[in-house]
Amino acid sequence: MAAARRQILRPTIAPPATPQLQRQLQKFRHRLTQERSAFERWMARLKRAFRAVEKHQHQASRLQRRITRLEET
């Protein structure tokens, strides 16, 4: 059985950018950097909150085990 022929991939030629398109791209790139930095801040908050919840859940389960152990004796 013959192997499939490979297709030649050539980069597409970008059309020349108009000044209006350049301004729009610049505006979108600026907004993207703002959104990424806001996302990073929220992720840091979320991680801290998640770790705090984990810590409290661990403490509560530890106390619950201690109470049941003391009640059994």
PDB file of N, CA and C in Angstrom:
ATOM      1  N   MET A   1       0.845  -1.163   0.000  1.00  0.00           N
ATOM      2  CA  MET A   1       0.000   0.000   0.000  1.00  0.00           C
ATOM      3  C   MET A   1       0.898   1.236   0.000  1.00  0.00           C
ATOM      4  N   ALA A   2       0.588   2.195  -0.799  1.00  0.00           N
ATOM      5  CA  ALA A   2       1.409   3.398  -0.920  1.00  0.00           C
ATOM      6  C   ALA A   2       1.114   4.354   0.233  1.00  0.00           C
ATOM      7  N   ALA A   3       2.162   5.017   0.653  1.00  0.00           N
ATOM      8  CA  ALA A   3       2.001   5.990   1.731  1.00  0.00           C
ATOM      9  C   ALA A   3       1.383   7.269   1.174  1.00  0.00           C
ATOM     10  N   ALA A   4       0.657   7.961   2.007  1.00  0.00           N
ATOM     11  CA  ALA A   4       0.029   9.210   1.582  1.00  0.00           C
ATOM     12  C   ALA A   4       1.100  10.262   1.314  1.00  0.00           C
ATOM     13  N   ARG A   5       0.878  11.060   0.302  1.00  0.00           N
ATOM     14  CA  ARG A   5       1.851  12.093  -0.039  1.00  0.00           C
ATOM     15  C   ARG A   5       1.744  13.233   0.955  1.00  0.00           C
ATOM     16  N   ARG A   6       2.875  13.798   1.237  1.00  0.00           N
ATOM     17  CA  ARG A   6       2.888  14.920   2.165  1.00  0.00           C
ATOM     18  C   ARG A   6       2.507  16.192   1.435  1.00  0.00           C
ATOM     19  N   GLN A   7       1.811  17.041   2.143  1.00  0.00           N
ATOM     20  CA  GLN A   7       1.396  18.303   1.557  1.00  0.00           C
ATOM     21  C   GLN A   7       2.399  19.381   1.952  1.00  0.00           C
ATOM     22  N   ILE A   8       2.783  20.222   1.026  1.00  0.00           N
ATOM     23  CA  ILE A   8       3.728  21.290   1.310  1.00  0.00           C
ATOM     24  C   ILE A   8       2.980  22.432   1.978  1.00  0.00           C
ATOM     25  N   LEU A   9       3.454  22.822   3.151  1.00  0.00           N
ATOM     26  CA  LEU A   9       2.836  23.922   3.880  1.00  0.00           C
ATOM     27  C   LEU A   9       3.680  25.174   3.705  1.00  0.00           C
ATOM     28  N   ARG A  10       3.075  26.184   3.158  1.00  0.00           N
ATOM     29  CA  ARG A  10       3.776  27.449   2.978  1.00  0.00           C
ATOM     30  C   ARG A  10       3.115  28.496   3.860  1.00  0.00           C
ATOM     31  N   PRO A  11       3.925  29.376   4.441  1.00  0.00           N
ATOM     32  CA  PRO A  11       3.308  30.420   5.282  1.00  0.00           C
ATOM     33  C   PRO A  11       2.446  31.349   4.432  1.00  0.00           C
ATOM     34  N   THR A  12       1.332  31.748   5.024  1.00  0.00           N
ATOM     35  CA  THR A  12       0.451  32.663   4.306  1.00  0.00           C
ATOM     36  C   THR A  12       1.026  34.065   4.356  1.00  0.00           C
ATOM     37  N   ILE A  13       0.828  34.799   3.311  1.00  0.00           N
ATOM     38  CA  ILE A  13       1.334  36.171   3.236  1.00  0.00           C
ATOM     39  C   ILE A  13       0.272  37.085   3.829  1.00  0.00           C
ATOM     40  N   ALA A  14       0.654  37.815   4.848  1.00  0.00           N
ATOM     41  CA  ALA A  14      -0.282  38.711   5.516  1.00  0.00           C
ATOM     42  C   ALA A  14      -0.498  39.951   4.655  1.00  0.00           C
ATOM     43  N   PRO A  15      -1.741  40.394   4.558  1.00  0.00           N
ATOM     44  CA  PRO A  15      -1.999  41.607   3.797  1.00  0.00           C
ATOM     45  C   PRO A  15      -1.404  42.813   4.521  1.00  0.00           C
ATOM     46  N   PRO A  16      -1.038  43.846   3.790  1.00  0.00           N
ATOM     47  CA  PRO A  16      -0.462  45.017   4.452  1.00  0.00           C
ATOM     48  C   PRO A  16      -1.477  45.632   5.420  1.00  0.00           C
ATOM     49  N   ALA A  17      -1.027  45.929   6.617  1.00  0.00           N
ATOM     50  CA  ALA A  17      -1.919  46.424   7.662  1.00  0.00           C
ATOM     51  C   ALA A  17      -2.182  47.917   7.470  1.00  0.00           C
ATOM     52  N   THR A  18      -3.436  48.272   7.568  1.00  0.00           N
ATOM     53  CA  THR A  18      -3.807  49.681   7.471  1.00  0.00           C
ATOM     54  C   THR A  18      -3.589  50.338   8.830  1.00  0.00           C
ATOM     55  N   PRO A  19      -3.486  51.670   8.860  1.00  0.00           N
ATOM     56  CA  PRO A  19      -3.304  52.345  10.155  1.00  0.00           C
ATOM     57  C   PRO A  19      -4.462  52.076  11.119  1.00  0.00           C
ATOM     58  N   GLN A  20      -5.660  51.966  10.576  1.00  0.00           N
ATOM     59  CA  GLN A  20      -6.814  51.688  11.431  1.00  0.00           C
ATOM     60  C   GLN A  20      -6.683  50.294  12.050  1.00  0.00           C
ATOM     61  N   LEU A  21      -6.262  49.327  11.248  1.00  0.00           N
ATOM     62  CA  LEU A  21      -6.067  47.977  11.747  1.00  0.00           C
ATOM     63  C   LEU A  21      -4.951  47.947  12.788  1.00  0.00           C
ATOM     64  N   GLN A  22      -3.887  48.696  12.557  1.00  0.00           N
ATOM     65  CA  GLN A  22      -2.783  48.770  13.521  1.00  0.00           C
ATOM     66  C   GLN A  22      -3.265  49.308  14.860  1.00  0.00           C
ATOM     67  N   ARG A  23      -4.077  50.374  14.824  1.00  0.00           N
ATOM     68  CA  ARG A  23      -4.606  50.949  16.074  1.00  0.00           C
ATOM     69  C   ARG A  23      -5.494  49.947  16.800  1.00  0.00           C
ATOM     70  N   GLN A  24      -6.314  49.260  16.037  1.00  0.00           N
ATOM     71  CA  GLN A  24      -7.205  48.279  16.645  1.00  0.00           C
ATOM     72  C   GLN A  24      -6.407  47.139  17.277  1.00  0.00           C
ATOM     73  N   LEU A  25      -5.399  46.660  16.567  1.00  0.00           N
ATOM     74  CA  LEU A  25      -4.551  45.598  17.120  1.00  0.00           C
ATOM     75  C   LEU A  25      -3.833  46.056  18.376  1.00  0.00           C
ATOM     76  N   GLN A  26      -3.327  47.283  18.360  1.00  0.00           N
ATOM     77  CA  GLN A  26      -2.632  47.813  19.527  1.00  0.00           C
ATOM     78  C   GLN A  26      -3.585  47.910  20.718  1.00  0.00           C
ATOM     79  N   LYS A  27      -4.814  48.360  20.460  1.00  0.00           N
ATOM     80  CA  LYS A  27      -5.809  48.468  21.525  1.00  0.00           C
ATOM     81  C   LYS A  27      -6.135  47.094  22.103  1.00  0.00           C
ATOM     82  N   PHE A  28      -6.304  46.100  21.220  1.00  0.00           N
ATOM     83  CA  PHE A  28      -6.615  44.752  21.694  1.00  0.00           C
ATOM     84  C   PHE A  28      -5.447  44.142  22.458  1.00  0.00           C
ATOM     85  N   ARG A  29      -4.232  44.380  22.014  1.00  0.00           N
ATOM     86  CA  ARG A  29      -3.066  43.840  22.726  1.00  0.00           C
ATOM     87  C   ARG A  29      -2.940  44.462  24.111  1.00  0.00           C
ATOM     88  N   HIS A  30      -3.200  45.768  24.192  1.00  0.00           N
ATOM     89  CA  HIS A  30      -3.148  46.444  25.492  1.00  0.00           C
ATOM     90  C   HIS A  30      -4.213  45.872  26.427  1.00  0.00           C
ATOM     91  N   ARG A  31      -5.414  45.657  25.903  1.00  0.00           N
ATOM     92  CA  ARG A  31      -6.494  45.100  26.718  1.00  0.00           C
ATOM     93  C   ARG A  31      -6.165  43.671  27.144  1.00  0.00           C
ATOM     94  N   LEU A  32      -5.529  42.924  26.255  1.00  0.00           N
ATOM     95  CA  LEU A  32      -5.134  41.554  26.586  1.00  0.00           C
ATOM     96  C   LEU A  32      -4.137  41.532  27.738  1.00  0.00           C
ATOM     97  N   THR A  33      -3.157  42.433  27.719  1.00  0.00           N
ATOM     98  CA  THR A  33      -2.195  42.468  28.828  1.00  0.00           C
ATOM     99  C   THR A  33      -2.886  42.861  30.126  1.00  0.00           C
ATOM    100  N   GLN A  34      -3.846  43.782  30.060  1.00  0.00           N
ATOM    101  CA  GLN A  34      -4.587  44.149  31.268  1.00  0.00           C
ATOM    102  C   GLN A  34      -5.384  42.964  31.796  1.00  0.00           C
ATOM    103  N   GLU A  35      -6.062  42.262  30.911  1.00  0.00           N
ATOM    104  CA  GLU A  35      -6.863  41.113  31.337  1.00  0.00           C
ATOM    105  C   GLU A  35      -5.986  40.008  31.909  1.00  0.00           C
ATOM    106  N   ARG A  36      -4.826  39.784  31.318  1.00  0.00           N
ATOM    107  CA  ARG A  36      -3.928  38.742  31.841  1.00  0.00           C
ATOM    108  C   ARG A  36      -3.426  39.099  33.229  1.00  0.00           C
ATOM    109  N   SER A  37      -3.081  40.363  33.448  1.00  0.00           N
ATOM    110  CA  SER A  37      -2.597  40.746  34.774  1.00  0.00           C
ATOM    111  C   SER A  37      -3.718  40.650  35.808  1.00  0.00           C
ATOM    112  N   ALA A  38      -4.939  41.028  35.428  1.00  0.00           N
ATOM    113  CA  ALA A  38      -6.071  40.893  36.348  1.00  0.00           C
ATOM    114  C   ALA A  38      -6.322  39.415  36.657  1.00  0.00           C
ATOM    115  N   PHE A  39      -6.220  38.576  35.645  1.00  0.00           N
ATOM    116  CA  PHE A  39      -6.415  37.135  35.838  1.00  0.00           C
ATOM    117  C   PHE A  39      -5.365  36.570  36.790  1.00  0.00           C
ATOM    118  N   GLU A  40      -4.118  37.001  36.636  1.00  0.00           N
ATOM    119  CA  GLU A  40      -3.059  36.519  37.529  1.00  0.00           C
ATOM    120  C   GLU A  40      -3.319  36.941  38.968  1.00  0.00           C
ATOM    121  N   ARG A  41      -3.797  38.170  39.159  1.00  0.00           N
ATOM    122  CA  ARG A  41      -4.121  38.617  40.522  1.00  0.00           C
ATOM    123  C   ARG A  41      -5.231  37.770  41.121  1.00  0.00           C
ATOM    124  N   TRP A  42      -6.294  37.519  40.350  1.00  0.00           N
ATOM    125  CA  TRP A  42      -7.395  36.714  40.849  1.00  0.00           C
ATOM    126  C   TRP A  42      -6.968  35.280  41.113  1.00  0.00           C
ATOM    127  N   MET A  43      -6.095  34.746  40.283  1.00  0.00           N
ATOM    128  CA  MET A  43      -5.624  33.380  40.519  1.00  0.00           C
ATOM    129  C   MET A  43      -4.816  33.304  41.807  1.00  0.00           C
ATOM    130  N   ALA A  44      -4.032  34.333  42.083  1.00  0.00           N
ATOM    131  CA  ALA A  44      -3.264  34.336  43.332  1.00  0.00           C
ATOM    132  C   ALA A  44      -4.216  34.368  44.531  1.00  0.00           C
ATOM    133  N   ARG A  45      -5.260  35.202  44.437  1.00  0.00           N
ATOM    134  CA  ARG A  45      -6.253  35.253  45.518  1.00  0.00           C
ATOM    135  C   ARG A  45      -6.951  33.906  45.676  1.00  0.00           C
ATOM    136  N   LEU A  46      -7.306  33.325  44.551  1.00  0.00           N
ATOM    137  CA  LEU A  46      -8.009  32.046  44.589  1.00  0.00           C
ATOM    138  C   LEU A  46      -7.145  30.964  45.208  1.00  0.00           C
ATOM    139  N   LYS A  47      -5.864  30.938  44.870  1.00  0.00           N
ATOM    140  CA  LYS A  47      -4.964  29.941  45.457  1.00  0.00           C
ATOM    141  C   LYS A  47      -4.864  30.120  46.964  1.00  0.00           C
ATOM    142  N   ARG A  48      -4.719  31.381  47.403  1.00  0.00           N
ATOM    143  CA  ARG A  48      -4.636  31.629  48.844  1.00  0.00           C
ATOM    144  C   ARG A  48      -5.910  31.191  49.545  1.00  0.00           C
ATOM    145  N   ALA A  49      -7.050  31.521  48.951  1.00  0.00           N
ATOM    146  CA  ALA A  49      -8.330  31.140  49.554  1.00  0.00           C
ATOM    147  C   ALA A  49      -8.486  29.630  49.586  1.00  0.00           C
ATOM    148  N   PHE A  50      -8.092  28.974  48.530  1.00  0.00           N
ATOM    149  CA  PHE A  50      -8.209  27.521  48.467  1.00  0.00           C
ATOM    150  C   PHE A  50      -7.345  26.863  49.532  1.00  0.00           C
ATOM    151  N   ARG A  51      -6.126  27.347  49.689  1.00  0.00           N
ATOM    152  CA  ARG A  51      -5.238  26.777  50.707  1.00  0.00           C
ATOM    153  C   ARG A  51      -5.800  27.018  52.108  1.00  0.00           C
ATOM    154  N   ALA A  52      -6.394  28.177  52.333  1.00  0.00           N
ATOM    155  CA  ALA A  52      -6.988  28.461  53.642  1.00  0.00           C
ATOM    156  C   ALA A  52      -8.152  27.515  53.914  1.00  0.00           C
ATOM    157  N   VAL A  53      -8.984  27.283  52.923  1.00  0.00           N
ATOM    158  CA  VAL A  53     -10.111  26.365  53.090  1.00  0.00           C
ATOM    159  C   VAL A  53      -9.591  24.956  53.358  1.00  0.00           C
ATOM    160  N   GLU A  54      -8.572  24.554  52.611  1.00  0.00           N
ATOM    161  CA  GLU A  54      -7.978  23.238  52.836  1.00  0.00           C
ATOM    162  C   GLU A  54      -7.459  23.097  54.267  1.00  0.00           C
ATOM    163  N   LYS A  55      -6.799  24.145  54.747  1.00  0.00           N
ATOM    164  CA  LYS A  55      -6.238  24.116  56.097  1.00  0.00           C
ATOM    165  C   LYS A  55      -7.342  23.968  57.142  1.00  0.00           C
ATOM    166  N   HIS A  56      -8.419  24.738  56.971  1.00  0.00           N
ATOM    167  CA  HIS A  56      -9.523  24.655  57.937  1.00  0.00           C
ATOM    168  C   HIS A  56     -10.231  23.308  57.858  1.00  0.00           C
ATOM    169  N   GLN A  57     -10.368  22.775  56.670  1.00  0.00           N
ATOM    170  CA  GLN A  57     -10.998  21.465  56.520  1.00  0.00           C
ATOM    171  C   GLN A  57     -10.145  20.389  57.192  1.00  0.00           C
ATOM    172  N   HIS A  58      -8.831  20.493  57.032  1.00  0.00           N
ATOM    173  CA  HIS A  58      -7.924  19.536  57.649  1.00  0.00           C
ATOM    174  C   HIS A  58      -8.012  19.623  59.173  1.00  0.00           C
ATOM    175  N   GLN A  59      -8.032  20.839  59.688  1.00  0.00           N
ATOM    176  CA  GLN A  59      -8.130  21.024  61.144  1.00  0.00           C
ATOM    177  C   GLN A  59      -9.449  20.470  61.675  1.00  0.00           C
ATOM    178  N   ALA A  60     -10.543  20.726  60.954  1.00  0.00           N
ATOM    179  CA  ALA A  60     -11.846  20.244  61.398  1.00  0.00           C
ATOM    180  C   ALA A  60     -11.887  18.724  61.405  1.00  0.00           C
ATOM    181  N   SER A  61     -11.363  18.092  60.376  1.00  0.00           N
ATOM    182  CA  SER A  61     -11.380  16.624  60.344  1.00  0.00           C
ATOM    183  C   SER A  61     -10.476  16.050  61.429  1.00  0.00           C
ATOM    184  N   ARG A  62      -9.361  16.716  61.717  1.00  0.00           N
ATOM    185  CA  ARG A  62      -8.470  16.258  62.782  1.00  0.00           C
ATOM    186  C   ARG A  62      -9.174  16.341  64.138  1.00  0.00           C
ATOM    187  N   LEU A  63      -9.876  17.466  64.361  1.00  0.00           N
ATOM    188  CA  LEU A  63     -10.605  17.612  65.625  1.00  0.00           C
ATOM    189  C   LEU A  63     -11.732  16.593  65.731  1.00  0.00           C
ATOM    190  N   GLN A  64     -12.401  16.329  64.633  1.00  0.00           N
ATOM    191  CA  GLN A  64     -13.481  15.348  64.637  1.00  0.00           C
ATOM    192  C   GLN A  64     -12.959  13.963  64.980  1.00  0.00           C
ATOM    193  N   ARG A  65     -11.827  13.592  64.417  1.00  0.00           N
ATOM    194  CA  ARG A  65     -11.231  12.287  64.744  1.00  0.00           C
ATOM    195  C   ARG A  65     -10.837  12.224  66.223  1.00  0.00           C
ATOM    196  N   ARG A  66     -10.293  13.303  66.728  1.00  0.00           N
ATOM    197  CA  ARG A  66      -9.913  13.337  68.147  1.00  0.00           C
ATOM    198  C   ARG A  66     -11.124  13.165  69.055  1.00  0.00           C
ATOM    199  N   ILE A  67     -12.212  13.857  68.705  1.00  0.00           N
ATOM    200  CA  ILE A  67     -13.430  13.775  69.528  1.00  0.00           C
ATOM    201  C   ILE A  67     -13.972  12.357  69.520  1.00  0.00           C
ATOM    202  N   THR A  68     -14.044  11.744  68.341  1.00  0.00           N
ATOM    203  CA  THR A  68     -14.569  10.373  68.279  1.00  0.00           C
ATOM    204  C   THR A  68     -13.678   9.392  69.035  1.00  0.00           C
ATOM    205  N   ARG A  69     -12.365   9.618  68.955  1.00  0.00           N
ATOM    206  CA  ARG A  69     -11.443   8.752  69.694  1.00  0.00           C
ATOM    207  C   ARG A  69     -11.651   8.907  71.199  1.00  0.00           C
ATOM    208  N   LEU A  70     -11.856  10.139  71.674  1.00  0.00           N
ATOM    209  CA  LEU A  70     -12.066  10.356  73.113  1.00  0.00           C
ATOM    210  C   LEU A  70     -13.409   9.821  73.572  1.00  0.00           C
ATOM    211  N   GLU A  71     -14.416   9.905  72.700  1.00  0.00           N
ATOM    212  CA  GLU A  71     -15.739   9.401  73.082  1.00  0.00           C
ATOM    213  C   GLU A  71     -15.763   7.879  73.161  1.00  0.00           C
ATOM    214  N   GLU A  72     -14.923   7.232  72.362  1.00  0.00           N
ATOM    215  CA  GLU A  72     -14.895   5.769  72.369  1.00  0.00           C
ATOM    216  C   GLU A  72     -14.234   5.206  73.625  1.00  0.00           C
ATOM    217  N   THR A  73     -13.361   5.959  74.248  1.00  0.00           N
ATOM    218  CA  THR A  73     -12.652   5.445  75.434  1.00  0.00           C
ATOM    219  C   THR A  73     -13.413   5.667  76.696  1.00  0.00           C
TER     220      THR A  73
END
